[in-house]
Amino acid sequence: MNLLRVFVSVCQTGSFTKASEELDLTQSSVSNAIRRLKKALGNELFTRSGRGIEMTAFGKHFFESVEPSVMSLVNTIGRDDRSEPLTSSRNFIVYALESALPRLQIRLRELLKGSNITVTLKELPSNEEETFDALMH
């Protein structure tokens, strides 16, 4: 789903840079996501055109097929303002520097006492690509 969201954003904005700003990701994270989707689909999605990009015929067809469903899911998830943070059951994974993990664990234990929220703390991966992969799973 995350790869599709990145793909749809790139198609809608016509730019990896603008998509990265819209999604609050780095440009290399967007590039990596598109590369992974391209590999999974076995087809080129974009070609370079001057300083920008253009969708390939396959990319355009794929975009037209997935965009309505992806946007519907994005809008549905974004609309859930009814959830109460302290009573909803949610699971989060938080990546942080190893040195910060003990302090975060103590503070989170205090903050989340009596809630149904679970937070798993993990050490930040060593490079941006591993970080992006971890966040996508």
N, C-alpha and C. Protein backbone atom coordinates (compact mmCIF):
# COMPACT_ATOMS: atom_id res chain seq x y z
N MET A 1 0.82 -1.19 0.00
CA MET A 1 0.00 0.00 0.00
C MET A 1 0.87 1.26 0.00
N ASN A 2 1.93 1.25 0.79
CA ASN A 2 2.79 2.43 0.86
C ASN A 2 3.48 2.71 -0.47
N LEU A 3 3.90 1.65 -1.16
CA LEU A 3 4.53 1.86 -2.46
C LEU A 3 3.53 2.45 -3.44
N LEU A 4 2.30 1.99 -3.37
CA LEU A 4 1.26 2.52 -4.26
C LEU A 4 0.96 3.97 -3.94
N ARG A 5 0.94 4.33 -2.67
CA ARG A 5 0.69 5.72 -2.27
C ARG A 5 1.78 6.63 -2.83
N VAL A 6 3.03 6.18 -2.74
CA VAL A 6 4.14 6.96 -3.29
C VAL A 6 3.98 7.08 -4.81
N PHE A 7 3.67 5.99 -5.47
CA PHE A 7 3.48 6.00 -6.92
C PHE A 7 2.39 6.98 -7.33
N VAL A 8 1.25 6.91 -6.66
CA VAL A 8 0.13 7.81 -6.98
C VAL A 8 0.54 9.27 -6.76
N SER A 9 1.25 9.54 -5.69
CA SER A 9 1.68 10.92 -5.43
C SER A 9 2.63 11.42 -6.51
N VAL A 10 3.57 10.58 -6.94
CA VAL A 10 4.49 10.97 -8.02
C VAL A 10 3.70 11.26 -9.29
N CYS A 11 2.73 10.41 -9.59
CA CYS A 11 1.91 10.62 -10.80
C CYS A 11 1.10 11.91 -10.69
N GLN A 12 0.52 12.16 -9.55
CA GLN A 12 -0.32 13.35 -9.37
C GLN A 12 0.49 14.64 -9.41
N THR A 13 1.69 14.61 -8.84
CA THR A 13 2.51 15.82 -8.79
C THR A 13 3.43 15.95 -10.00
N GLY A 14 3.69 14.82 -10.67
CA GLY A 14 4.59 14.84 -11.83
C GLY A 14 6.04 15.01 -11.45
N SER A 15 6.37 14.72 -10.18
CA SER A 15 7.73 14.99 -9.71
C SER A 15 8.04 14.15 -8.47
N PHE A 16 9.24 13.57 -8.46
CA PHE A 16 9.69 12.86 -7.26
C PHE A 16 9.87 13.85 -6.11
N THR A 17 10.40 15.03 -6.43
CA THR A 17 10.64 16.04 -5.40
C THR A 17 9.34 16.51 -4.76
N LYS A 18 8.36 16.85 -5.59
CA LYS A 18 7.07 17.32 -5.05
C LYS A 18 6.36 16.21 -4.29
N ALA A 19 6.47 14.99 -4.77
CA ALA A 19 5.86 13.86 -4.05
C ALA A 19 6.54 13.68 -2.69
N SER A 20 7.84 13.83 -2.65
CA SER A 20 8.55 13.67 -1.37
C SER A 20 8.11 14.74 -0.38
N GLU A 21 7.87 15.96 -0.87
CA GLU A 21 7.39 17.03 0.01
C GLU A 21 5.97 16.74 0.48
N GLU A 22 5.12 16.29 -0.42
CA GLU A 22 3.73 15.99 -0.08
C GLU A 22 3.62 14.87 0.95
N LEU A 23 4.50 13.87 0.81
CA LEU A 23 4.45 12.71 1.69
C LEU A 23 5.37 12.83 2.90
N ASP A 24 6.11 13.92 2.98
CA ASP A 24 7.08 14.15 4.05
C ASP A 24 8.12 13.04 4.11
N LEU A 25 8.66 12.72 2.94
CA LEU A 25 9.72 11.73 2.80
C LEU A 25 10.91 12.39 2.12
N THR A 26 12.06 11.74 2.16
CA THR A 26 13.19 12.25 1.40
C THR A 26 13.00 11.86 -0.06
N GLN A 27 13.67 12.59 -0.94
CA GLN A 27 13.56 12.27 -2.36
C GLN A 27 14.12 10.88 -2.64
N SER A 28 15.19 10.49 -1.94
CA SER A 28 15.75 9.16 -2.17
C SER A 28 14.79 8.07 -1.68
N SER A 29 14.00 8.34 -0.65
CA SER A 29 13.00 7.37 -0.21
C SER A 29 11.93 7.17 -1.27
N VAL A 30 11.52 8.26 -1.90
CA VAL A 30 10.54 8.18 -2.98
C VAL A 30 11.14 7.39 -4.14
N SER A 31 12.38 7.71 -4.50
CA SER A 31 13.05 6.98 -5.59
C SER A 31 13.15 5.50 -5.28
N ASN A 32 13.51 5.17 -4.04
CA ASN A 32 13.60 3.76 -3.64
C ASN A 32 12.25 3.07 -3.73
N ALA A 33 11.21 3.74 -3.31
CA ALA A 33 9.86 3.15 -3.36
C ALA A 33 9.46 2.88 -4.81
N ILE A 34 9.71 3.83 -5.69
CA ILE A 34 9.37 3.65 -7.10
C ILE A 34 10.21 2.52 -7.70
N ARG A 35 11.46 2.45 -7.34
CA ARG A 35 12.34 1.38 -7.82
C ARG A 35 11.82 0.01 -7.36
N ARG A 36 11.40 -0.08 -6.10
CA ARG A 36 10.87 -1.35 -5.58
C ARG A 36 9.56 -1.73 -6.27
N LEU A 37 8.70 -0.75 -6.52
CA LEU A 37 7.44 -1.03 -7.21
C LEU A 37 7.70 -1.47 -8.64
N LYS A 38 8.63 -0.79 -9.29
CA LYS A 38 9.01 -1.15 -10.67
C LYS A 38 9.50 -2.60 -10.71
N LYS A 39 10.33 -2.96 -9.75
CA LYS A 39 10.86 -4.33 -9.70
C LYS A 39 9.73 -5.33 -9.45
N ALA A 40 8.82 -5.00 -8.54
CA ALA A 40 7.71 -5.90 -8.23
C ALA A 40 6.78 -6.09 -9.43
N LEU A 41 6.59 -5.04 -10.21
CA LEU A 41 5.69 -5.10 -11.36
C LEU A 41 6.39 -5.59 -12.63
N GLY A 42 7.71 -5.48 -12.66
CA GLY A 42 8.47 -5.92 -13.83
C GLY A 42 8.33 -5.00 -15.04
N ASN A 43 7.98 -3.74 -14.80
CA ASN A 43 7.81 -2.78 -15.89
C ASN A 43 8.27 -1.40 -15.46
N GLU A 44 8.76 -0.63 -16.45
CA GLU A 44 9.10 0.76 -16.21
C GLU A 44 7.83 1.55 -15.94
N LEU A 45 7.88 2.47 -14.99
CA LEU A 45 6.73 3.30 -14.66
C LEU A 45 6.89 4.73 -15.17
N PHE A 46 8.14 5.20 -15.22
CA PHE A 46 8.44 6.56 -15.64
C PHE A 46 9.66 6.57 -16.54
N THR A 47 9.73 7.61 -17.37
CA THR A 47 10.94 7.88 -18.15
C THR A 47 11.32 9.33 -17.90
N ARG A 48 12.60 9.62 -18.08
CA ARG A 48 13.08 11.00 -17.94
C ARG A 48 12.62 11.79 -19.16
N SER A 49 12.23 13.02 -18.90
CA SER A 49 11.82 13.91 -19.99
C SER A 49 12.36 15.30 -19.66
N GLY A 50 13.47 15.63 -20.29
CA GLY A 50 14.13 16.90 -19.95
C GLY A 50 14.58 16.86 -18.50
N ARG A 51 14.08 17.80 -17.71
CA ARG A 51 14.42 17.84 -16.28
C ARG A 51 13.37 17.11 -15.43
N GLY A 52 12.29 16.67 -16.08
CA GLY A 52 11.21 16.03 -15.34
C GLY A 52 11.06 14.57 -15.69
N ILE A 53 9.86 14.06 -15.43
CA ILE A 53 9.55 12.66 -15.71
C ILE A 53 8.21 12.60 -16.44
N GLU A 54 8.03 11.50 -17.15
CA GLU A 54 6.76 11.20 -17.81
C GLU A 54 6.40 9.76 -17.49
N MET A 55 5.12 9.50 -17.37
CA MET A 55 4.68 8.12 -17.16
C MET A 55 4.84 7.35 -18.47
N THR A 56 5.26 6.11 -18.35
CA THR A 56 5.26 5.23 -19.51
C THR A 56 3.82 4.84 -19.79
N ALA A 57 3.57 4.17 -20.90
CA ALA A 57 2.22 3.70 -21.20
C ALA A 57 1.75 2.74 -20.10
N PHE A 58 2.65 1.86 -19.66
CA PHE A 58 2.30 0.95 -18.57
C PHE A 58 2.01 1.73 -17.30
N GLY A 59 2.87 2.72 -16.99
CA GLY A 59 2.68 3.53 -15.79
C GLY A 59 1.35 4.25 -15.79
N LYS A 60 0.99 4.80 -16.94
CA LYS A 60 -0.28 5.52 -17.05
C LYS A 60 -1.47 4.57 -16.85
N HIS A 61 -1.41 3.42 -17.48
CA HIS A 61 -2.48 2.43 -17.33
C HIS A 61 -2.57 1.95 -15.87
N PHE A 62 -1.42 1.70 -15.26
CA PHE A 62 -1.40 1.24 -13.87
C PHE A 62 -1.95 2.32 -12.94
N PHE A 63 -1.55 3.57 -13.17
CA PHE A 63 -2.05 4.69 -12.37
C PHE A 63 -3.57 4.79 -12.46
N GLU A 64 -4.09 4.74 -13.67
CA GLU A 64 -5.54 4.83 -13.86
C GLU A 64 -6.28 3.68 -13.17
N SER A 65 -5.62 2.54 -13.06
CA SER A 65 -6.24 1.38 -12.40
C SER A 65 -6.22 1.48 -10.88
N VAL A 66 -5.12 1.98 -10.32
CA VAL A 66 -4.97 1.94 -8.86
C VAL A 66 -5.32 3.24 -8.15
N GLU A 67 -5.27 4.36 -8.86
CA GLU A 67 -5.46 5.67 -8.21
C GLU A 67 -6.79 5.79 -7.45
N PRO A 68 -7.93 5.39 -8.03
CA PRO A 68 -9.18 5.53 -7.27
C PRO A 68 -9.18 4.74 -5.96
N SER A 69 -8.66 3.53 -5.99
CA SER A 69 -8.64 2.70 -4.77
C SER A 69 -7.68 3.24 -3.73
N VAL A 70 -6.50 3.65 -4.19
CA VAL A 70 -5.49 4.19 -3.26
C VAL A 70 -6.02 5.45 -2.60
N MET A 71 -6.59 6.36 -3.38
CA MET A 71 -7.10 7.60 -2.81
C MET A 71 -8.28 7.35 -1.89
N SER A 72 -9.10 6.38 -2.21
CA SER A 72 -10.21 6.03 -1.33
C SER A 72 -9.70 5.55 0.02
N LEU A 73 -8.67 4.71 0.00
CA LEU A 73 -8.08 4.24 1.26
C LEU A 73 -7.42 5.38 2.02
N VAL A 74 -6.69 6.23 1.33
CA VAL A 74 -6.03 7.37 1.98
C VAL A 74 -7.07 8.27 2.64
N ASN A 75 -8.16 8.54 1.93
CA ASN A 75 -9.21 9.40 2.48
C ASN A 75 -9.92 8.74 3.65
N THR A 76 -10.14 7.44 3.57
CA THR A 76 -10.80 6.72 4.66
C THR A 76 -9.94 6.73 5.91
N ILE A 77 -8.67 6.48 5.75
CA ILE A 77 -7.76 6.47 6.90
C ILE A 77 -7.64 7.87 7.48
N GLY A 78 -7.55 8.86 6.63
CA GLY A 78 -7.39 10.25 7.07
C GLY A 78 -8.61 10.80 7.77
N ARG A 79 -9.79 10.22 7.53
CA ARG A 79 -11.03 10.72 8.11
C ARG A 79 -11.29 10.21 9.52
N ASP A 80 -10.52 9.29 10.00
CA ASP A 80 -10.82 8.67 11.29
C ASP A 80 -10.46 9.59 12.44
N ASP A 81 -11.24 10.65 12.61
CA ASP A 81 -10.98 11.58 13.70
C ASP A 81 -11.86 11.25 14.91
N ARG A 82 -12.57 10.13 14.86
CA ARG A 82 -13.41 9.72 15.97
C ARG A 82 -12.65 8.92 17.02
N SER A 83 -11.46 8.44 16.69
CA SER A 83 -10.77 7.58 17.63
C SER A 83 -10.25 8.38 18.82
N GLU A 84 -10.39 7.81 19.96
CA GLU A 84 -9.90 8.41 21.19
C GLU A 84 -8.53 7.83 21.51
N PRO A 85 -7.51 8.64 21.58
CA PRO A 85 -6.15 8.13 21.78
C PRO A 85 -5.97 7.19 22.97
N LEU A 86 -6.64 7.48 24.07
CA LEU A 86 -6.42 6.66 25.26
C LEU A 86 -7.29 5.40 25.32
N THR A 87 -8.33 5.33 24.50
CA THR A 87 -9.19 4.14 24.55
C THR A 87 -9.07 3.28 23.30
N SER A 88 -8.48 3.79 22.23
CA SER A 88 -8.34 2.98 21.03
C SER A 88 -7.18 2.00 21.19
N SER A 89 -7.28 0.88 20.52
CA SER A 89 -6.19 -0.10 20.52
C SER A 89 -5.31 0.17 19.33
N ARG A 90 -4.11 0.57 19.58
CA ARG A 90 -3.17 0.88 18.50
C ARG A 90 -1.81 0.33 18.84
N ASN A 91 -1.10 -0.03 17.79
CA ASN A 91 0.27 -0.53 17.94
C ASN A 91 1.19 0.36 17.11
N PHE A 92 2.26 0.81 17.74
CA PHE A 92 3.21 1.68 17.07
C PHE A 92 4.61 1.11 17.23
N ILE A 93 5.43 1.33 16.21
CA ILE A 93 6.86 1.02 16.29
C ILE A 93 7.58 2.35 16.17
N VAL A 94 8.45 2.63 17.13
CA VAL A 94 9.20 3.88 17.15
C VAL A 94 10.68 3.56 17.00
N TYR A 95 11.29 4.19 16.00
CA TYR A 95 12.73 4.04 15.79
C TYR A 95 13.42 5.24 16.39
N ALA A 96 14.51 4.97 17.12
CA ALA A 96 15.25 6.06 17.75
C ALA A 96 16.71 5.63 17.91
N LEU A 97 17.55 6.60 18.22
CA LEU A 97 18.96 6.29 18.50
C LEU A 97 19.03 5.39 19.72
N GLU A 98 19.98 4.49 19.71
CA GLU A 98 20.12 3.53 20.81
C GLU A 98 20.23 4.24 22.16
N SER A 99 20.95 5.36 22.20
CA SER A 99 21.15 6.08 23.46
C SER A 99 19.85 6.67 24.01
N ALA A 100 18.86 6.90 23.16
CA ALA A 100 17.60 7.50 23.60
C ALA A 100 16.57 6.46 24.02
N LEU A 101 16.77 5.21 23.65
CA LEU A 101 15.75 4.19 23.91
C LEU A 101 15.40 4.01 25.39
N PRO A 102 16.35 3.94 26.31
CA PRO A 102 15.97 3.76 27.72
C PRO A 102 15.11 4.90 28.27
N ARG A 103 15.46 6.14 27.93
CA ARG A 103 14.67 7.28 28.40
C ARG A 103 13.28 7.28 27.79
N LEU A 104 13.20 6.95 26.51
CA LEU A 104 11.89 6.88 25.85
C LEU A 104 11.02 5.80 26.48
N GLN A 105 11.62 4.66 26.77
CA GLN A 105 10.87 3.56 27.35
C GLN A 105 10.25 3.95 28.69
N ILE A 106 11.03 4.60 29.53
CA ILE A 106 10.53 5.04 30.84
C ILE A 106 9.39 6.04 30.67
N ARG A 107 9.62 7.03 29.82
CA ARG A 107 8.61 8.08 29.61
C ARG A 107 7.33 7.52 28.99
N LEU A 108 7.46 6.64 27.99
CA LEU A 108 6.29 6.05 27.35
C LEU A 108 5.49 5.18 28.32
N ARG A 109 6.19 4.46 29.17
CA ARG A 109 5.51 3.62 30.16
C ARG A 109 4.59 4.49 31.03
N GLU A 110 5.10 5.67 31.43
CA GLU A 110 4.29 6.59 32.25
C GLU A 110 3.11 7.15 31.45
N LEU A 111 3.38 7.59 30.24
CA LEU A 111 2.36 8.23 29.42
C LEU A 111 1.23 7.28 29.00
N LEU A 112 1.58 6.03 28.76
CA LEU A 112 0.60 5.09 28.21
C LEU A 112 -0.05 4.19 29.25
N LYS A 113 0.27 4.42 30.52
CA LYS A 113 -0.30 3.62 31.60
C LYS A 113 -1.83 3.71 31.52
N GLY A 114 -2.49 2.56 31.51
CA GLY A 114 -3.94 2.51 31.47
C GLY A 114 -4.55 2.64 30.08
N SER A 115 -3.72 2.72 29.05
CA SER A 115 -4.25 2.82 27.69
C SER A 115 -4.10 1.48 26.98
N ASN A 116 -4.73 1.37 25.83
CA ASN A 116 -4.61 0.16 25.00
C ASN A 116 -3.58 0.34 23.90
N ILE A 117 -2.72 1.30 24.05
CA ILE A 117 -1.72 1.59 23.04
C ILE A 117 -0.44 0.84 23.38
N THR A 118 0.11 0.17 22.36
CA THR A 118 1.36 -0.55 22.50
C THR A 118 2.42 0.14 21.65
N VAL A 119 3.56 0.42 22.24
CA VAL A 119 4.66 1.04 21.52
C VAL A 119 5.87 0.12 21.63
N THR A 120 6.40 -0.26 20.48
CA THR A 120 7.61 -1.06 20.43
C THR A 120 8.75 -0.14 20.02
N LEU A 121 9.77 -0.10 20.82
CA LEU A 121 10.93 0.75 20.53
C LEU A 121 12.00 -0.09 19.85
N LYS A 122 12.56 0.46 18.78
CA LYS A 122 13.62 -0.23 18.04
C LYS A 122 14.74 0.75 17.73
N GLU A 123 15.94 0.20 17.64
CA GLU A 123 17.09 1.04 17.29
C GLU A 123 16.98 1.46 15.83
N LEU A 124 17.30 2.72 15.58
CA LEU A 124 17.27 3.27 14.24
C LEU A 124 18.21 2.49 13.33
N PRO A 125 17.73 2.04 12.15
CA PRO A 125 18.63 1.34 11.22
C PRO A 125 19.82 2.21 10.85
N SER A 126 20.86 1.56 10.33
CA SER A 126 22.13 2.25 10.11
C SER A 126 22.18 3.13 8.87
N ASN A 127 21.26 2.94 7.91
CA ASN A 127 21.28 3.81 6.74
C ASN A 127 19.86 4.12 6.28
N GLU A 128 19.75 5.08 5.37
CA GLU A 128 18.44 5.57 4.95
C GLU A 128 17.61 4.49 4.25
N GLU A 129 18.26 3.67 3.43
CA GLU A 129 17.52 2.63 2.71
C GLU A 129 16.92 1.61 3.69
N GLU A 130 17.71 1.19 4.68
CA GLU A 130 17.19 0.26 5.69
C GLU A 130 16.07 0.92 6.50
N THR A 131 16.22 2.21 6.79
CA THR A 131 15.18 2.93 7.51
C THR A 131 13.89 2.95 6.70
N PHE A 132 14.00 3.26 5.43
CA PHE A 132 12.81 3.29 4.56
C PHE A 132 12.17 1.91 4.50
N ASP A 133 12.99 0.87 4.31
CA ASP A 133 12.44 -0.49 4.25
C ASP A 133 11.73 -0.86 5.56
N ALA A 134 12.31 -0.49 6.69
CA ALA A 134 11.71 -0.79 7.99
C ALA A 134 10.37 -0.07 8.14
N LEU A 135 10.30 1.17 7.70
CA LEU A 135 9.07 1.94 7.81
C LEU A 135 7.98 1.43 6.87
N MET A 136 8.37 0.80 5.77
CA MET A 136 7.38 0.30 4.83
C MET A 136 6.80 -1.05 5.25
N HIS A 137 7.38 -1.70 6.23
CA HIS A 137 6.86 -3.02 6.66
C HIS A 137 6.12 -2.94 7.95
